[in-house]
Amino acid sequence: MTKDRKWRSWLLQTLALCLALFGVVHIVRDLPARARGNDFAHYYITSRLLLTGGDLYSTPLEPEYQRWGFRYTHAIPTATNPPLLVAIFAPFALLPPIEAFWAWAVLEIFSLGWILMLTWRLSANRLSLPVRWLVCGAVIASAPVYWHFFFSQCQLLIAAVILQAYWYLRNGRPVSACVAVTTTVWLKLFPAVLVPWFLWRSSREWNTRWKCAGAVLAWSAVLVLASGLGNWQQFWTHGMKVVDDWITWQRHFNFTVPAFVKNAAWSFQGFDPQWNELHAWANVGAIIGLALIVLVYGICWKNGRGATGADLESEFCLMSAAMLAGISEAWGHYFVLLVFPAAMAVARVGRKPTLGRIFTLGIALVMLNLMGDFRSPWLEFVVSYIPLYGLLLLGAFFATETLNSQSTGVVSTRSVPPSS
């Protein structure tokens, strides 16, 4: 029996190493060619405008791309990132473009490492050492991580901060947790979905909740003022309009329920770019996505009503899945926020390995990685949303876990931590 365990351990660690090597080679092979492309180019140029006092949200980007030697390949006429993200990137924009690209890649690597480290620590009592290595290898080889490095995005940084916020919450530091998650809101807006959950789960006592709410408001004011109130006004007036138009007209790689609803209606019109009802259906999709998020909040509220308290882990994973599914914009690289939920799903299935649970999780994880660009005329709409199907399946898994948590007896993930 001991020999069998050693053999399985060796096999899992070898597989983990192979997956990690595959992921690294896959990324490194394509990364140098991306130094002149989006989305890094967008980050760099907008931060240069900030540093030189340019008009951040009305300066045409195409001449700037040409000036700095970037490839202008997307119909994004002006800056779209929130002012705080532009300011955070500014130190990188002080460097020449190539050096800045590799410096930003180092930050991406550090963020990924931080996510894996926290996931490793949070799963240490439920996943064996070989399985944890396998999870790390699978994450490095995953499609969301590849596409994140391909586009030089910021979601790994956001995912790392959000997971750190959850770590603080689990360890009795609710104010730090709320401040951390609030920081990500002003970097990319969509994590605002998580803030009410962090406030509610900060403590059972209203005094602590109000203290956390005050910290959220005060820190938000600091970040907005530090990144420029005028810049935020311009962002809401001009930047968000460009973002909304981009979301409305995009047919691929946006794996959310609102995008699915809008494109489902659009597909019946043959994706006619002159269709007058497109914006109306985008609004319908946004309402349905919001309803999904509200439904998940209801599930979390029901979960926390019992005397034994809430299952923080399943709720956090469920809220993360609902956030990505319910917002209007979640491109493939946003799915790096599912690293921790996927690992916890593996841990929970390992604790109760029924055939149905194993099959459900396996299918969900495979679907989450099928992010190819499928453009077959008759299958395009159906197959383009395979990652969304996987996301919804993972969300359904954690919804079931949350609703059944009163009888799980998972001591390590139950109850709200004491306030510090």
Protein backbone atom coordinates (compact mmCIF):
# COMPACT_ATOMS: atom_id res chain seq x y z
CA MET A 1 0.00 0.00 0.00
CA THR A 2 2.88 2.34 0.80
CA LYS A 3 4.44 1.60 -2.58
CA ASP A 4 1.14 2.39 -4.30
CA ARG A 5 0.95 5.75 -2.55
CA LYS A 6 4.52 6.60 -3.50
CA TRP A 7 3.81 5.60 -7.09
CA ARG A 8 0.69 7.77 -7.24
CA SER A 9 2.57 10.65 -5.64
CA TRP A 10 5.39 10.38 -8.16
CA LEU A 11 2.91 10.19 -11.05
CA LEU A 12 0.97 13.26 -9.90
CA GLN A 13 4.11 15.33 -9.39
CA THR A 14 5.46 14.30 -12.79
CA LEU A 15 2.17 15.29 -14.41
CA ALA A 16 2.26 18.60 -12.52
CA LEU A 17 5.78 19.30 -13.82
CA CYS A 18 4.77 18.44 -17.39
CA LEU A 19 1.74 20.75 -17.21
CA ALA A 20 3.80 23.59 -15.76
CA LEU A 21 6.48 23.19 -18.44
CA PHE A 22 3.83 23.11 -21.15
CA GLY A 23 2.27 26.31 -19.80
CA VAL A 24 5.59 28.13 -19.50
CA VAL A 25 6.74 27.13 -22.99
CA HIS A 26 3.36 28.05 -24.46
CA ILE A 27 3.52 31.52 -22.91
CA VAL A 28 7.23 32.20 -23.47
CA ARG A 29 6.98 31.15 -27.13
CA ASP A 30 4.37 33.84 -27.90
CA LEU A 31 5.26 36.54 -25.39
CA PRO A 32 8.05 38.42 -27.28
CA ALA A 33 5.74 39.05 -30.25
CA ARG A 34 3.20 40.66 -27.94
CA ALA A 35 5.48 43.49 -26.80
CA ARG A 36 4.07 45.77 -29.50
CA GLY A 37 0.41 44.72 -29.24
CA ASN A 38 -2.66 45.24 -27.10
CA ASP A 39 -3.56 45.41 -24.33
CA PHE A 40 -0.10 46.36 -23.14
CA ALA A 41 0.07 49.10 -25.78
CA HIS A 42 -3.16 50.61 -24.49
CA TYR A 43 -1.88 50.61 -20.91
CA TYR A 44 1.45 52.15 -21.90
CA ILE A 45 0.06 54.91 -24.11
CA THR A 46 -2.66 56.02 -21.71
CA SER A 47 -0.18 56.17 -18.82
CA ARG A 48 2.21 58.19 -21.00
CA LEU A 49 -0.63 60.65 -21.62
CA LEU A 50 -1.13 60.91 -17.86
CA LEU A 51 2.58 61.50 -17.24
CA THR A 52 2.85 64.18 -19.93
CA GLY A 53 -0.35 65.99 -18.95
CA GLY A 54 -2.28 64.95 -22.05
CA ASP A 55 -6.05 64.82 -22.26
CA LEU A 56 -6.48 61.28 -21.05
CA TYR A 57 -9.93 60.35 -22.37
CA SER A 58 -10.25 62.45 -25.53
CA THR A 59 -6.82 62.13 -27.16
CA PRO A 60 -7.08 59.87 -30.27
CA LEU A 61 -5.02 56.73 -29.67
CA GLU A 62 -4.07 55.75 -33.21
CA PRO A 63 -1.44 58.52 -33.68
CA GLU A 64 -0.03 57.65 -30.26
CA TYR A 65 0.31 53.99 -31.27
CA GLN A 66 2.28 55.07 -34.33
CA ARG A 67 4.44 57.42 -32.29
CA TRP A 68 5.51 54.69 -29.90
CA GLY A 69 5.81 51.92 -32.47
CA PHE A 70 2.80 49.86 -31.38
CA ARG A 71 0.41 47.96 -33.65
CA TYR A 72 -3.01 49.62 -33.77
CA THR A 73 -5.34 46.67 -34.39
CA HIS A 74 -8.50 47.41 -32.40
CA ALA A 75 -11.18 49.97 -33.00
CA ILE A 76 -10.75 51.60 -29.59
CA PRO A 77 -10.39 55.32 -30.40
CA THR A 78 -9.64 56.69 -26.92
CA ALA A 79 -8.59 55.52 -23.45
CA THR A 80 -10.95 53.20 -21.59
CA ASN A 81 -9.19 52.16 -18.37
CA PRO A 82 -10.17 53.72 -15.02
CA PRO A 83 -7.84 56.50 -13.81
CA LEU A 84 -6.45 54.47 -10.90
CA LEU A 85 -5.30 51.68 -13.24
CA VAL A 86 -3.72 54.27 -15.52
CA ALA A 87 -1.91 55.76 -12.51
CA ILE A 88 -0.79 52.33 -11.23
CA PHE A 89 0.78 51.59 -14.61
CA ALA A 90 2.50 54.99 -14.80
CA PRO A 91 5.83 53.83 -13.25
CA PHE A 92 6.10 51.23 -16.03
CA ALA A 93 5.37 53.90 -18.66
CA LEU A 94 8.46 55.78 -17.49
CA LEU A 95 10.49 53.02 -19.12
CA PRO A 96 10.97 52.50 -22.88
CA PRO A 97 8.20 50.27 -24.30
CA ILE A 98 10.15 46.99 -24.50
CA GLU A 99 11.61 47.31 -21.00
CA ALA A 100 8.19 48.31 -19.66
CA PHE A 101 6.62 45.25 -21.28
CA TRP A 102 8.98 42.84 -19.54
CA ALA A 103 8.71 44.69 -16.24
CA TRP A 104 4.92 44.36 -16.44
CA ALA A 105 5.31 40.66 -17.25
CA VAL A 106 7.32 40.27 -14.05
CA LEU A 107 4.42 41.80 -12.10
CA GLU A 108 2.04 39.34 -13.79
CA ILE A 109 4.30 36.45 -12.77
CA PHE A 110 4.49 37.72 -9.20
CA SER A 111 0.69 38.07 -9.07
CA LEU A 112 0.22 34.52 -10.34
CA GLY A 113 2.73 33.26 -7.79
CA TRP A 114 0.89 35.08 -5.00
CA ILE A 115 -2.41 33.51 -6.04
CA LEU A 116 -0.86 30.04 -6.09
CA MET A 117 0.81 30.62 -2.72
CA LEU A 118 -2.44 31.68 -1.04
CA THR A 119 -4.34 28.83 -2.70
CA TRP A 120 -1.63 26.42 -1.52
CA ARG A 121 -1.94 27.64 2.07
CA LEU A 122 -5.74 27.70 2.09
CA SER A 123 -5.95 24.15 0.77
CA ALA A 124 -3.14 22.64 2.81
CA ASN A 125 -5.42 20.77 5.22
CA ARG A 126 -7.54 19.20 2.47
CA LEU A 127 -5.31 18.56 -0.53
CA SER A 128 -2.26 16.34 -0.40
CA LEU A 129 1.11 17.72 -1.43
CA PRO A 130 1.11 15.97 -4.84
CA VAL A 131 -2.42 17.19 -5.62
CA ARG A 132 -1.49 20.74 -4.71
CA TRP A 133 1.47 20.53 -7.09
CA LEU A 134 -0.90 19.21 -9.75
CA VAL A 135 -3.27 22.14 -9.19
CA CYS A 136 -0.39 24.59 -9.59
CA GLY A 137 0.77 22.89 -12.78
CA ALA A 138 -2.75 22.87 -14.21
CA VAL A 139 -3.19 26.57 -13.44
CA ILE A 140 0.05 27.50 -15.22
CA ALA A 141 -1.04 25.45 -18.25
CA SER A 142 -4.59 26.83 -18.28
CA ALA A 143 -6.11 28.85 -21.11
CA PRO A 144 -7.04 31.87 -18.93
CA VAL A 145 -3.43 32.23 -17.73
CA TYR A 146 -2.13 31.95 -21.29
CA TRP A 147 -4.54 34.57 -22.60
CA HIS A 148 -3.76 36.83 -19.66
CA PHE A 149 -0.07 36.92 -20.57
CA PHE A 150 -0.95 37.14 -24.28
CA PHE A 151 -2.88 40.36 -23.67
CA SER A 152 -0.64 41.61 -20.80
CA GLN A 153 -3.72 42.19 -18.69
CA CYS A 154 -4.21 43.19 -15.05
CA GLN A 155 -6.66 40.51 -13.84
CA LEU A 156 -3.93 38.43 -12.17
CA LEU A 157 -3.10 41.46 -10.04
CA ILE A 158 -6.79 41.96 -9.24
CA ALA A 159 -7.29 38.26 -8.49
CA ALA A 160 -4.29 38.30 -6.15
CA VAL A 161 -5.63 41.29 -4.21
CA ILE A 162 -9.14 39.80 -4.00
CA LEU A 163 -7.78 36.49 -2.73
CA GLN A 164 -5.65 38.40 -0.21
CA ALA A 165 -8.84 40.13 0.91
CA TYR A 166 -10.46 36.75 1.43
CA TRP A 167 -7.38 35.64 3.38
CA TYR A 168 -7.76 38.67 5.65
CA LEU A 169 -11.45 37.90 6.15
CA ARG A 170 -10.73 34.29 7.05
CA ASN A 171 -8.10 35.39 9.55
CA GLY A 172 -10.15 37.92 11.48
CA ARG A 173 -9.07 41.14 9.73
CA PRO A 174 -12.34 42.40 8.22
CA VAL A 175 -11.29 46.04 7.77
CA SER A 176 -8.17 45.01 5.85
CA ALA A 177 -10.29 42.65 3.76
CA CYS A 178 -12.78 45.37 2.84
CA VAL A 179 -10.05 47.90 2.06
CA ALA A 180 -8.25 45.39 -0.18
CA VAL A 181 -11.31 44.45 -2.21
CA THR A 182 -12.25 48.14 -2.50
CA THR A 183 -8.88 48.82 -4.12
CA THR A 184 -9.71 46.37 -6.91
CA VAL A 185 -13.05 48.12 -7.51
CA TRP A 186 -11.33 51.35 -8.48
CA LEU A 187 -8.84 49.47 -10.65
CA LYS A 188 -11.45 47.72 -12.80
CA LEU A 189 -14.95 48.43 -11.36
CA PHE A 190 -16.42 44.91 -11.70
CA PRO A 191 -15.23 43.67 -8.26
CA ALA A 192 -17.85 46.05 -6.81
CA VAL A 193 -20.08 42.96 -6.95
CA LEU A 194 -18.08 41.47 -4.06
CA VAL A 195 -18.02 44.49 -1.73
CA PRO A 196 -21.48 43.94 -0.14
CA TRP A 197 -20.57 40.31 0.54
CA PHE A 198 -17.33 41.31 2.27
CA LEU A 199 -19.16 43.91 4.34
CA TRP A 200 -21.90 41.48 5.37
CA ARG A 201 -19.49 38.65 6.22
CA SER A 202 -17.05 40.95 8.02
CA SER A 203 -18.72 40.19 11.32
CA ARG A 204 -21.98 39.21 12.98
CA GLU A 205 -21.91 42.51 14.83
CA TRP A 206 -23.19 45.68 13.21
CA ASN A 207 -20.53 47.81 14.89
CA THR A 208 -17.83 46.00 12.91
CA ARG A 209 -19.87 46.14 9.73
CA TRP A 210 -20.29 49.90 10.05
CA LYS A 211 -16.59 50.25 10.76
CA CYS A 212 -15.83 48.33 7.56
CA ALA A 213 -18.33 50.40 5.59
CA GLY A 214 -16.66 53.58 6.82
CA ALA A 215 -13.27 52.23 5.81
CA VAL A 216 -14.61 51.40 2.32
CA LEU A 217 -15.98 54.91 1.84
CA ALA A 218 -12.90 56.64 3.23
CA TRP A 219 -10.49 54.55 1.17
CA SER A 220 -12.60 55.06 -1.95
CA ALA A 221 -12.41 58.83 -1.45
CA VAL A 222 -8.62 58.63 -1.06
CA LEU A 223 -8.20 56.58 -4.26
CA VAL A 224 -10.52 58.77 -6.32
CA LEU A 225 -8.85 61.99 -5.20
CA ALA A 226 -5.35 60.55 -5.59
CA SER A 227 -6.05 59.44 -9.17
CA GLY A 228 -7.76 62.72 -10.06
CA LEU A 229 -11.40 63.62 -9.63
CA GLY A 230 -11.39 65.35 -13.02
CA ASN A 231 -10.00 62.20 -14.63
CA TRP A 232 -12.84 60.18 -13.15
CA GLN A 233 -15.40 62.63 -14.49
CA GLN A 234 -13.86 62.31 -17.96
CA PHE A 235 -13.74 58.53 -17.62
CA TRP A 236 -17.47 58.30 -16.87
CA THR A 237 -18.32 60.73 -19.65
CA HIS A 238 -16.06 59.45 -22.43
CA GLY A 239 -14.23 56.26 -21.42
CA MET A 240 -17.31 54.31 -20.36
CA LYS A 241 -19.09 55.18 -23.60
CA VAL A 242 -16.28 53.56 -25.58
CA VAL A 243 -16.38 50.51 -23.29
CA ASP A 244 -20.15 50.15 -23.64
CA ASP A 245 -19.94 50.35 -27.43
CA TRP A 246 -17.13 47.80 -27.51
CA ILE A 247 -19.11 45.37 -25.35
CA THR A 248 -22.25 45.83 -27.45
CA TRP A 249 -20.60 45.14 -30.81
CA GLN A 250 -18.23 42.38 -29.67
CA ARG A 251 -19.25 38.84 -30.67
CA HIS A 252 -16.35 36.76 -29.32
CA PHE A 253 -14.37 36.05 -26.16
CA ASN A 254 -16.74 37.81 -23.75
CA PHE A 255 -18.01 34.89 -21.67
CA THR A 256 -20.86 36.38 -19.64
CA VAL A 257 -24.61 35.87 -19.38
CA PRO A 258 -25.36 39.42 -20.63
CA ALA A 259 -23.14 38.88 -23.69
CA PHE A 260 -24.80 35.50 -24.31
CA VAL A 261 -28.30 37.02 -24.16
CA LYS A 262 -27.40 39.91 -26.44
CA ASN A 263 -25.63 37.72 -29.00
CA ALA A 264 -28.41 35.13 -28.90
CA ALA A 265 -30.89 37.80 -29.99
CA TRP A 266 -28.39 39.21 -32.49
CA SER A 267 -27.78 35.77 -34.04
CA PHE A 268 -31.43 35.60 -35.12
CA GLN A 269 -30.72 38.75 -37.16
CA GLY A 270 -27.68 37.21 -38.80
CA PHE A 271 -25.44 39.52 -36.73
CA ASP A 272 -26.61 42.42 -38.86
CA PRO A 273 -24.52 45.47 -37.80
CA GLN A 274 -27.44 47.74 -38.71
CA TRP A 275 -29.90 46.05 -36.35
CA ASN A 276 -31.62 48.79 -34.33
CA GLU A 277 -32.50 46.63 -31.32
CA LEU A 278 -28.96 45.59 -30.44
CA HIS A 279 -28.47 48.11 -27.63
CA ALA A 280 -31.87 47.23 -26.18
CA TRP A 281 -30.92 43.57 -26.01
CA ALA A 282 -27.59 44.50 -24.42
CA ASN A 283 -29.64 46.18 -21.66
CA VAL A 284 -31.86 43.09 -21.34
CA GLY A 285 -28.74 40.95 -20.92
CA ALA A 286 -27.38 43.30 -18.27
CA ILE A 287 -30.64 43.07 -16.31
CA ILE A 288 -30.57 39.26 -16.46
CA GLY A 289 -26.94 39.27 -15.31
CA LEU A 290 -27.84 41.52 -12.38
CA ALA A 291 -30.74 39.20 -11.49
CA LEU A 292 -28.30 36.28 -11.42
CA ILE A 293 -26.03 38.13 -8.99
CA VAL A 294 -29.01 39.04 -6.77
CA LEU A 295 -30.10 35.39 -6.79
CA VAL A 296 -26.65 34.30 -5.61
CA TYR A 297 -26.74 36.88 -2.84
CA GLY A 298 -30.04 35.33 -1.78
CA ILE A 299 -28.41 31.92 -1.64
CA CYS A 300 -25.58 33.30 0.52
CA TRP A 301 -28.10 35.01 2.82
CA LYS A 302 -29.98 31.74 3.25
CA ASN A 303 -26.72 29.92 3.94
CA GLY A 304 -25.75 32.25 6.78
CA ARG A 305 -29.03 32.13 8.69
CA GLY A 306 -28.23 28.95 10.62
CA ALA A 307 -26.82 28.90 14.10
CA THR A 308 -23.52 27.45 12.91
CA GLY A 309 -22.83 30.38 10.62
CA ALA A 310 -21.92 30.77 6.97
CA ASP A 311 -19.62 28.62 4.87
CA LEU A 312 -17.31 31.44 3.83
CA GLU A 313 -15.33 29.37 1.38
CA SER A 314 -18.25 28.12 -0.71
CA GLU A 315 -19.87 31.56 -0.64
CA PHE A 316 -16.70 33.32 -1.78
CA CYS A 317 -16.24 30.83 -4.62
CA LEU A 318 -19.91 31.13 -5.59
CA MET A 319 -19.78 34.92 -5.53
CA SER A 320 -16.63 34.90 -7.70
CA ALA A 321 -18.35 32.71 -10.29
CA ALA A 322 -21.54 34.80 -10.18
CA MET A 323 -19.55 38.01 -10.57
CA LEU A 324 -17.89 36.79 -13.77
CA ALA A 325 -21.12 35.35 -15.15
CA GLY A 326 -23.31 38.34 -14.30
CA ILE A 327 -21.23 41.35 -15.31
CA SER A 328 -21.37 42.68 -18.87
CA GLU A 329 -17.68 42.24 -19.61
CA ALA A 330 -15.55 39.20 -18.70
CA TRP A 331 -13.09 38.31 -21.42
CA GLY A 332 -11.27 34.98 -21.29
CA HIS A 333 -8.37 36.32 -19.25
CA TYR A 334 -10.79 37.39 -16.51
CA PHE A 335 -11.19 33.70 -15.69
CA VAL A 336 -7.89 33.74 -13.79
CA LEU A 337 -10.14 34.81 -10.91
CA LEU A 338 -11.36 31.20 -10.82
CA VAL A 339 -8.01 29.72 -9.76
CA PHE A 340 -8.98 29.51 -6.11
CA PRO A 341 -12.60 28.37 -6.70
CA ALA A 342 -11.39 25.63 -9.04
CA ALA A 343 -8.86 24.42 -6.46
CA MET A 344 -11.49 24.42 -3.72
CA ALA A 345 -13.87 22.50 -5.96
CA VAL A 346 -11.17 19.85 -6.39
CA ALA A 347 -10.74 19.73 -2.61
CA ARG A 348 -14.45 19.33 -1.99
CA VAL A 349 -14.88 16.64 -4.62
CA GLY A 350 -11.86 14.85 -3.18
CA ARG A 351 -13.55 14.86 0.22
CA LYS A 352 -16.76 13.42 -1.23
CA PRO A 353 -15.82 11.77 -4.54
CA THR A 354 -19.09 10.60 -6.06
CA LEU A 355 -19.21 9.81 -9.77
CA GLY A 356 -21.61 12.67 -10.46
CA ARG A 357 -19.46 15.23 -8.65
CA ILE A 358 -16.27 14.07 -10.36
CA PHE A 359 -17.94 14.16 -13.79
CA THR A 360 -19.50 17.59 -13.19
CA LEU A 361 -16.26 19.17 -12.03
CA GLY A 362 -14.24 17.52 -14.79
CA ILE A 363 -16.57 18.79 -17.50
CA ALA A 364 -16.64 22.29 -15.96
CA LEU A 365 -12.83 22.53 -15.85
CA VAL A 366 -12.47 21.32 -19.44
CA MET A 367 -15.08 23.81 -20.66
CA LEU A 368 -13.38 26.67 -18.82
CA ASN A 369 -10.27 26.05 -20.92
CA LEU A 370 -11.92 25.80 -24.35
CA MET A 371 -11.34 29.40 -25.36
CA GLY A 372 -10.65 28.94 -29.05
CA ASP A 373 -11.97 31.33 -31.67
CA PHE A 374 -14.81 29.27 -33.16
CA ARG A 375 -16.31 31.02 -36.19
CA SER A 376 -18.22 28.29 -37.99
CA PRO A 377 -21.29 30.01 -39.52
CA TRP A 378 -23.83 27.61 -38.03
CA LEU A 379 -22.07 26.63 -34.82
CA GLU A 380 -20.42 29.95 -34.00
CA PHE A 381 -22.88 31.18 -31.41
CA VAL A 382 -23.32 27.82 -29.65
CA VAL A 383 -19.67 26.83 -29.32
CA SER A 384 -18.29 30.32 -28.67
CA TYR A 385 -19.76 30.24 -25.17
CA ILE A 386 -18.38 26.90 -23.99
CA PRO A 387 -16.33 28.63 -21.22
CA LEU A 388 -19.52 30.31 -20.00
CA TYR A 389 -21.21 26.91 -19.76
CA GLY A 390 -18.28 25.71 -17.67
CA LEU A 391 -18.50 28.82 -15.49
CA LEU A 392 -22.21 28.27 -14.87
CA LEU A 393 -21.55 24.60 -14.08
CA LEU A 394 -18.87 25.57 -11.55
CA GLY A 395 -21.25 28.14 -10.09
CA ALA A 396 -23.99 25.52 -9.80
CA PHE A 397 -21.53 23.25 -8.00
CA PHE A 398 -20.80 25.91 -5.39
CA ALA A 399 -24.47 26.89 -5.13
CA THR A 400 -25.19 23.29 -4.17
CA GLU A 401 -22.25 23.30 -1.76
CA THR A 402 -23.48 26.53 -0.19
CA LEU A 403 -27.08 25.37 0.18
CA ASN A 404 -25.95 22.06 1.69
CA SER A 405 -23.26 23.58 3.88
CA GLN A 406 -25.28 23.28 7.11
CA SER A 407 -24.60 19.56 7.08
CA THR A 408 -21.05 19.44 5.73
CA GLY A 409 -19.24 19.88 9.03
CA VAL A 410 -16.27 21.61 7.42
CA VAL A 411 -14.91 23.25 10.53
CA SER A 412 -12.07 25.04 8.76
CA THR A 413 -14.38 27.02 6.50
CA ARG A 414 -17.35 27.64 8.72
CA SER A 415 -18.41 30.72 10.62
CA VAL A 416 -17.35 34.31 10.34
CA PRO A 417 -13.95 34.96 11.91
CA PRO A 418 -13.81 37.14 15.00
CA SER A 419 -13.20 40.81 14.39
CA SER A 420 -9.75 42.11 15.10
